[in-house]
Amino acid sequence: MTIGVNPPSFLSVEVNAAGVNPIDWKIREGYIPLKLPATQWRDFSGVVADVGEDVSGFKKGLEVYGMQAY
């Protein structure tokens, strides 16, 4: 799914799985304050769905895993 126009440096990943770590549930339960809006469950795995023209080392269909930047 494409939403709008992606910049040339953009990499889009179709996420197939996301992880929940101890820090995630501690934030969710209020043990660690977090300014909202916020994104939790940052670990992911999936498949590259779209690659901008300035991106190298990735291609559509490549299986990847990573962590969203804070």
PDB file of N, CA and C in Angstrom:
ATOM      1  N   MET A   1       0.842  -1.169   0.000  1.00  0.00           N
ATOM      2  CA  MET A   1       0.000   0.000   0.000  1.00  0.00           C
ATOM      3  C   MET A   1       0.888   1.233   0.000  1.00  0.00           C
ATOM      4  N   THR A   2       0.650   2.143  -0.898  1.00  0.00           N
ATOM      5  CA  THR A   2       1.397   3.393  -0.959  1.00  0.00           C
ATOM      6  C   THR A   2       0.491   4.532  -0.516  1.00  0.00           C
ATOM      7  N   ILE A   3       1.015   5.357   0.369  1.00  0.00           N
ATOM      8  CA  ILE A   3       0.267   6.518   0.837  1.00  0.00           C
ATOM      9  C   ILE A   3       1.081   7.751   0.476  1.00  0.00           C
ATOM     10  N   GLY A   4       0.591   8.553  -0.444  1.00  0.00           N
ATOM     11  CA  GLY A   4       1.314   9.747  -0.857  1.00  0.00           C
ATOM     12  C   GLY A   4       2.545   9.399  -1.679  1.00  0.00           C
ATOM     13  N   VAL A   5       3.478  10.337  -1.733  1.00  0.00           N
ATOM     14  CA  VAL A   5       4.705  10.160  -2.499  1.00  0.00           C
ATOM     15  C   VAL A   5       5.870  10.056  -1.527  1.00  0.00           C
ATOM     16  N   ASN A   6       6.634   8.993  -1.638  1.00  0.00           N
ATOM     17  CA  ASN A   6       7.779   8.799  -0.763  1.00  0.00           C
ATOM     18  C   ASN A   6       9.000   9.529  -1.304  1.00  0.00           C
ATOM     19  N   PRO A   7       9.839  10.092  -0.425  1.00  0.00           N
ATOM     20  CA  PRO A   7      11.066  10.757  -0.875  1.00  0.00           C
ATOM     21  C   PRO A   7      12.063   9.736  -1.410  1.00  0.00           C
ATOM     22  N   PRO A   8      13.058  10.167  -2.182  1.00  0.00           N
ATOM     23  CA  PRO A   8      14.036   9.250  -2.776  1.00  0.00           C
ATOM     24  C   PRO A   8      14.825   8.431  -1.754  1.00  0.00           C
ATOM     25  N   SER A   9      14.917   8.897  -0.520  1.00  0.00           N
ATOM     26  CA  SER A   9      15.685   8.187   0.512  1.00  0.00           C
ATOM     27  C   SER A   9      14.812   7.266   1.361  1.00  0.00           C
ATOM     28  N   PHE A  10      13.587   6.997   0.932  1.00  0.00           N
ATOM     29  CA  PHE A  10      12.610   6.266   1.720  1.00  0.00           C
ATOM     30  C   PHE A  10      12.725   4.757   1.517  1.00  0.00           C
ATOM     31  N   LEU A  11      12.552   4.006   2.597  1.00  0.00           N
ATOM     32  CA  LEU A  11      12.491   2.545   2.557  1.00  0.00           C
ATOM     33  C   LEU A  11      11.226   2.132   3.292  1.00  0.00           C
ATOM     34  N   SER A  12      10.370   1.364   2.656  1.00  0.00           N
ATOM     35  CA  SER A  12       9.115   0.927   3.248  1.00  0.00           C
ATOM     36  C   SER A  12       9.182  -0.577   3.513  1.00  0.00           C
ATOM     37  N   VAL A  13       8.759  -0.982   4.723  1.00  0.00           N
ATOM     38  CA  VAL A  13       8.775  -2.392   5.103  1.00  0.00           C
ATOM     39  C   VAL A  13       7.362  -2.840   5.448  1.00  0.00           C
ATOM     40  N   GLU A  14       6.928  -3.943   4.857  1.00  0.00           N
ATOM     41  CA  GLU A  14       5.668  -4.572   5.237  1.00  0.00           C
ATOM     42  C   GLU A  14       5.963  -5.430   6.456  1.00  0.00           C
ATOM     43  N   VAL A  15       5.477  -5.009   7.610  1.00  0.00           N
ATOM     44  CA  VAL A  15       5.798  -5.674   8.873  1.00  0.00           C
ATOM     45  C   VAL A  15       4.963  -6.938   9.021  1.00  0.00           C
ATOM     46  N   ASN A  16       5.656  -8.060   9.266  1.00  0.00           N
ATOM     47  CA  ASN A  16       4.992  -9.341   9.484  1.00  0.00           C
ATOM     48  C   ASN A  16       4.936  -9.713  10.963  1.00  0.00           C
ATOM     49  N   ALA A  17       5.861  -9.202  11.752  1.00  0.00           N
ATOM     50  CA  ALA A  17       5.894  -9.506  13.180  1.00  0.00           C
ATOM     51  C   ALA A  17       6.515  -8.338  13.929  1.00  0.00           C
ATOM     52  N   ALA A  18       6.044  -8.123  15.158  1.00  0.00           N
ATOM     53  CA  ALA A  18       6.606  -7.085  16.025  1.00  0.00           C
ATOM     54  C   ALA A  18       6.781  -7.684  17.410  1.00  0.00           C
ATOM     55  N   GLY A  19       7.851  -7.269  18.090  1.00  0.00           N
ATOM     56  CA  GLY A  19       8.146  -7.816  19.402  1.00  0.00           C
ATOM     57  C   GLY A  19       7.726  -6.897  20.527  1.00  0.00           C
ATOM     58  N   VAL A  20       7.403  -7.513  21.663  1.00  0.00           N
ATOM     59  CA  VAL A  20       7.101  -6.769  22.884  1.00  0.00           C
ATOM     60  C   VAL A  20       8.184  -7.120  23.892  1.00  0.00           C
ATOM     61  N   ASN A  21       8.924  -6.128  24.306  1.00  0.00           N
ATOM     62  CA  ASN A  21      10.024  -6.311  25.243  1.00  0.00           C
ATOM     63  C   ASN A  21       9.602  -5.859  26.636  1.00  0.00           C
ATOM     64  N   PRO A  22      10.388  -6.205  27.665  1.00  0.00           N
ATOM     65  CA  PRO A  22      10.057  -5.759  29.022  1.00  0.00           C
ATOM     66  C   PRO A  22       9.857  -4.247  29.131  1.00  0.00           C
ATOM     67  N   ILE A  23      10.663  -3.476  28.431  1.00  0.00           N
ATOM     68  CA  ILE A  23      10.516  -2.017  28.501  1.00  0.00           C
ATOM     69  C   ILE A  23       9.159  -1.581  27.958  1.00  0.00           C
ATOM     70  N   ASP A  24       8.650  -2.292  26.943  1.00  0.00           N
ATOM     71  CA  ASP A  24       7.355  -1.948  26.362  1.00  0.00           C
ATOM     72  C   ASP A  24       6.226  -2.107  27.373  1.00  0.00           C
ATOM     73  N   TRP A  25       6.161  -3.238  28.059  1.00  0.00           N
ATOM     74  CA  TRP A  25       5.059  -3.413  29.002  1.00  0.00           C
ATOM     75  C   TRP A  25       5.227  -2.530  30.229  1.00  0.00           C
ATOM     76  N   LYS A  26       6.479  -2.203  30.593  1.00  0.00           N
ATOM     77  CA  LYS A  26       6.687  -1.297  31.723  1.00  0.00           C
ATOM     78  C   LYS A  26       6.172   0.111  31.386  1.00  0.00           C
ATOM     79  N   ILE A  27       6.388   0.537  30.166  1.00  0.00           N
ATOM     80  CA  ILE A  27       5.846   1.825  29.715  1.00  0.00           C
ATOM     81  C   ILE A  27       4.325   1.759  29.700  1.00  0.00           C
ATOM     82  N   ARG A  28       3.789   0.685  29.141  1.00  0.00           N
ATOM     83  CA  ARG A  28       2.332   0.515  29.032  1.00  0.00           C
ATOM     84  C   ARG A  28       1.655   0.532  30.397  1.00  0.00           C
ATOM     85  N   GLU A  29       2.293  -0.076  31.390  1.00  0.00           N
ATOM     86  CA  GLU A  29       1.726  -0.135  32.740  1.00  0.00           C
ATOM     87  C   GLU A  29       1.979   1.138  33.549  1.00  0.00           C
ATOM     88  N   GLY A  30       2.758   2.079  33.005  1.00  0.00           N
ATOM     89  CA  GLY A  30       2.978   3.353  33.662  1.00  0.00           C
ATOM     90  C   GLY A  30       4.187   3.403  34.585  1.00  0.00           C
ATOM     91  N   TYR A  31       4.988   2.344  34.595  1.00  0.00           N
ATOM     92  CA  TYR A  31       6.195   2.330  35.434  1.00  0.00           C
ATOM     93  C   TYR A  31       7.263   3.285  34.906  1.00  0.00           C
ATOM     94  N   ILE A  32       7.247   3.496  33.616  1.00  0.00           N
ATOM     95  CA  ILE A  32       8.197   4.412  32.974  1.00  0.00           C
ATOM     96  C   ILE A  32       7.369   5.452  32.219  1.00  0.00           C
ATOM     97  N   PRO A  33       7.487   6.735  32.587  1.00  0.00           N
ATOM     98  CA  PRO A  33       6.685   7.755  31.908  1.00  0.00           C
ATOM     99  C   PRO A  33       7.126   7.925  30.452  1.00  0.00           C
ATOM    100  N   LEU A  34       6.159   8.159  29.606  1.00  0.00           N
ATOM    101  CA  LEU A  34       6.431   8.349  28.183  1.00  0.00           C
ATOM    102  C   LEU A  34       5.518   9.445  27.667  1.00  0.00           C
ATOM    103  N   LYS A  35       6.101  10.425  27.013  1.00  0.00           N
ATOM    104  CA  LYS A  35       5.329  11.526  26.450  1.00  0.00           C
ATOM    105  C   LYS A  35       4.540  11.011  25.241  1.00  0.00           C
ATOM    106  N   LEU A  36       3.251  11.297  25.221  1.00  0.00           N
ATOM    107  CA  LEU A  36       2.389  10.852  24.130  1.00  0.00           C
ATOM    108  C   LEU A  36       2.205  11.959  23.109  1.00  0.00           C
ATOM    109  N   PRO A  37       1.961  11.673  21.855  1.00  0.00           N
ATOM    110  CA  PRO A  37       1.840  10.333  21.297  1.00  0.00           C
ATOM    111  C   PRO A  37       3.204   9.659  21.192  1.00  0.00           C
ATOM    112  N   ALA A  38       3.216   8.353  21.255  1.00  0.00           N
ATOM    113  CA  ALA A  38       4.461   7.593  21.214  1.00  0.00           C
ATOM    114  C   ALA A  38       4.219   6.261  20.509  1.00  0.00           C
ATOM    115  N   THR A  39       5.281   5.672  20.026  1.00  0.00           N
ATOM    116  CA  THR A  39       5.221   4.366  19.383  1.00  0.00           C
ATOM    117  C   THR A  39       5.954   3.363  20.249  1.00  0.00           C
ATOM    118  N   GLN A  40       5.271   2.282  20.565  1.00  0.00           N
ATOM    119  CA  GLN A  40       5.901   1.191  21.296  1.00  0.00           C
ATOM    120  C   GLN A  40       6.098   0.012  20.354  1.00  0.00           C
ATOM    121  N   TRP A  41       6.633  -1.059  20.870  1.00  0.00           N
ATOM    122  CA  TRP A  41       6.859  -2.277  20.092  1.00  0.00           C
ATOM    123  C   TRP A  41       7.689  -1.962  18.849  1.00  0.00           C
ATOM    124  N   ARG A  42       8.915  -1.541  19.086  1.00  0.00           N
ATOM    125  CA  ARG A  42       9.777  -1.044  18.021  1.00  0.00           C
ATOM    126  C   ARG A  42      10.476  -2.137  17.224  1.00  0.00           C
ATOM    127  N   ASP A  43      10.631  -3.340  17.789  1.00  0.00           N
ATOM    128  CA  ASP A  43      11.295  -4.426  17.074  1.00  0.00           C
ATOM    129  C   ASP A  43      10.341  -5.001  16.032  1.00  0.00           C
ATOM    130  N   PHE A  44      10.862  -5.285  14.850  1.00  0.00           N
ATOM    131  CA  PHE A  44       9.996  -5.787  13.786  1.00  0.00           C
ATOM    132  C   PHE A  44      10.773  -6.696  12.834  1.00  0.00           C
ATOM    133  N   SER A  45      10.024  -7.473  12.083  1.00  0.00           N
ATOM    134  CA  SER A  45      10.571  -8.205  10.945  1.00  0.00           C
ATOM    135  C   SER A  45       9.534  -8.147   9.834  1.00  0.00           C
ATOM    136  N   GLY A  46      10.003  -8.238   8.624  1.00  0.00           N
ATOM    137  CA  GLY A  46       9.088  -8.155   7.503  1.00  0.00           C
ATOM    138  C   GLY A  46       9.812  -8.223   6.180  1.00  0.00           C
ATOM    139  N   VAL A  47       9.181  -7.654   5.164  1.00  0.00           N
ATOM    140  CA  VAL A  47       9.684  -7.697   3.792  1.00  0.00           C
ATOM    141  C   VAL A  47       9.710  -6.277   3.236  1.00  0.00           C
ATOM    142  N   VAL A  48      10.799  -5.927   2.554  1.00  0.00           N
ATOM    143  CA  VAL A  48      10.897  -4.610   1.922  1.00  0.00           C
ATOM    144  C   VAL A  48       9.797  -4.495   0.865  1.00  0.00           C
ATOM    145  N   ALA A  49       8.960  -3.480   1.013  1.00  0.00           N
ATOM    146  CA  ALA A  49       7.830  -3.272   0.108  1.00  0.00           C
ATOM    147  C   ALA A  49       8.126  -2.232  -0.969  1.00  0.00           C
ATOM    148  N   ASP A  50       8.956  -1.241  -0.630  1.00  0.00           N
ATOM    149  CA  ASP A  50       9.261  -0.170  -1.581  1.00  0.00           C
ATOM    150  C   ASP A  50      10.615   0.431  -1.233  1.00  0.00           C
ATOM    151  N   VAL A  51      11.374   0.793  -2.262  1.00  0.00           N
ATOM    152  CA  VAL A  51      12.720   1.336  -2.063  1.00  0.00           C
ATOM    153  C   VAL A  51      12.858   2.612  -2.881  1.00  0.00           C
ATOM    154  N   GLY A  52      13.256   3.699  -2.224  1.00  0.00           N
ATOM    155  CA  GLY A  52      13.494   4.958  -2.921  1.00  0.00           C
ATOM    156  C   GLY A  52      14.721   4.867  -3.814  1.00  0.00           C
ATOM    157  N   GLU A  53      14.787   5.733  -4.790  1.00  0.00           N
ATOM    158  CA  GLU A  53      15.873   5.682  -5.779  1.00  0.00           C
ATOM    159  C   GLU A  53      17.247   5.969  -5.186  1.00  0.00           C
ATOM    160  N   ASP A  54      17.320   6.645  -4.043  1.00  0.00           N
ATOM    161  CA  ASP A  54      18.608   6.951  -3.406  1.00  0.00           C
ATOM    162  C   ASP A  54      19.056   5.880  -2.411  1.00  0.00           C
ATOM    163  N   VAL A  55      18.248   4.841  -2.222  1.00  0.00           N
ATOM    164  CA  VAL A  55      18.560   3.793  -1.247  1.00  0.00           C
ATOM    165  C   VAL A  55      19.338   2.679  -1.927  1.00  0.00           C
ATOM    166  N   SER A  56      20.454   2.258  -1.304  1.00  0.00           N
ATOM    167  CA  SER A  56      21.228   1.144  -1.842  1.00  0.00           C
ATOM    168  C   SER A  56      21.315   0.029  -0.808  1.00  0.00           C
ATOM    169  N   GLY A  57      21.525  -1.180  -1.258  1.00  0.00           N
ATOM    170  CA  GLY A  57      21.673  -2.321  -0.368  1.00  0.00           C
ATOM    171  C   GLY A  57      20.364  -3.013  -0.015  1.00  0.00           C
ATOM    172  N   PHE A  58      19.256  -2.517  -0.529  1.00  0.00           N
ATOM    173  CA  PHE A  58      17.944  -3.120  -0.281  1.00  0.00           C
ATOM    174  C   PHE A  58      17.205  -3.239  -1.601  1.00  0.00           C
ATOM    175  N   LYS A  59      16.342  -4.254  -1.702  1.00  0.00           N
ATOM    176  CA  LYS A  59      15.491  -4.400  -2.879  1.00  0.00           C
ATOM    177  C   LYS A  59      14.146  -4.944  -2.437  1.00  0.00           C
ATOM    178  N   LYS A  60      13.124  -4.717  -3.229  1.00  0.00           N
ATOM    179  CA  LYS A  60      11.785  -5.214  -2.925  1.00  0.00           C
ATOM    180  C   LYS A  60      11.841  -6.720  -2.714  1.00  0.00           C
ATOM    181  N   GLY A  61      11.127  -7.196  -1.704  1.00  0.00           N
ATOM    182  CA  GLY A  61      11.052  -8.622  -1.432  1.00  0.00           C
ATOM    183  C   GLY A  61      12.107  -9.139  -0.465  1.00  0.00           C
ATOM    184  N   LEU A  62      13.094  -8.305  -0.122  1.00  0.00           N
ATOM    185  CA  LEU A  62      14.154  -8.709   0.803  1.00  0.00           C
ATOM    186  C   LEU A  62      13.582  -8.846   2.213  1.00  0.00           C
ATOM    187  N   GLU A  63      13.843  -9.975   2.867  1.00  0.00           N
ATOM    188  CA  GLU A  63      13.403 -10.146   4.258  1.00  0.00           C
ATOM    189  C   GLU A  63      14.346  -9.376   5.167  1.00  0.00           C
ATOM    190  N   VAL A  64      13.774  -8.593   6.081  1.00  0.00           N
ATOM    191  CA  VAL A  64      14.576  -7.727   6.959  1.00  0.00           C
ATOM    192  C   VAL A  64      14.055  -7.800   8.387  1.00  0.00           C
ATOM    193  N   TYR A  65      14.890  -7.386   9.312  1.00  0.00           N
ATOM    194  CA  TYR A  65      14.470  -7.187  10.696  1.00  0.00           C
ATOM    195  C   TYR A  65      15.200  -5.960  11.214  1.00  0.00           C
ATOM    196  N   GLY A  66      14.661  -5.355  12.236  1.00  0.00           N
ATOM    197  CA  GLY A  66      15.298  -4.156  12.752  1.00  0.00           C
ATOM    198  C   GLY A  66      14.545  -3.576  13.919  1.00  0.00           C
ATOM    199  N   MET A  67      14.880  -2.333  14.229  1.00  0.00           N
ATOM    200  CA  MET A  67      14.260  -1.610  15.331  1.00  0.00           C
ATOM    201  C   MET A  67      14.019  -0.183  14.877  1.00  0.00           C
ATOM    202  N   GLN A  68      12.815   0.296  15.091  1.00  0.00           N
ATOM    203  CA  GLN A  68      12.481   1.671  14.752  1.00  0.00           C
ATOM    204  C   GLN A  68      13.287   2.618  15.624  1.00  0.00           C
ATOM    205  N   ALA A  69      13.785   3.680  15.039  1.00  0.00           N
ATOM    206  CA  ALA A  69      14.537   4.681  15.794  1.00  0.00           C
ATOM    207  C   ALA A  69      13.623   5.388  16.781  1.00  0.00           C
ATOM    208  N   TYR A  70      14.175   5.803  17.911  1.00  0.00           N
ATOM    209  CA  TYR A  70      13.393   6.498  18.929  1.00  0.00           C
ATOM    210  C   TYR A  70      13.064   7.881  18.486  1.00  0.00           C
TER     211      TYR A  70
END
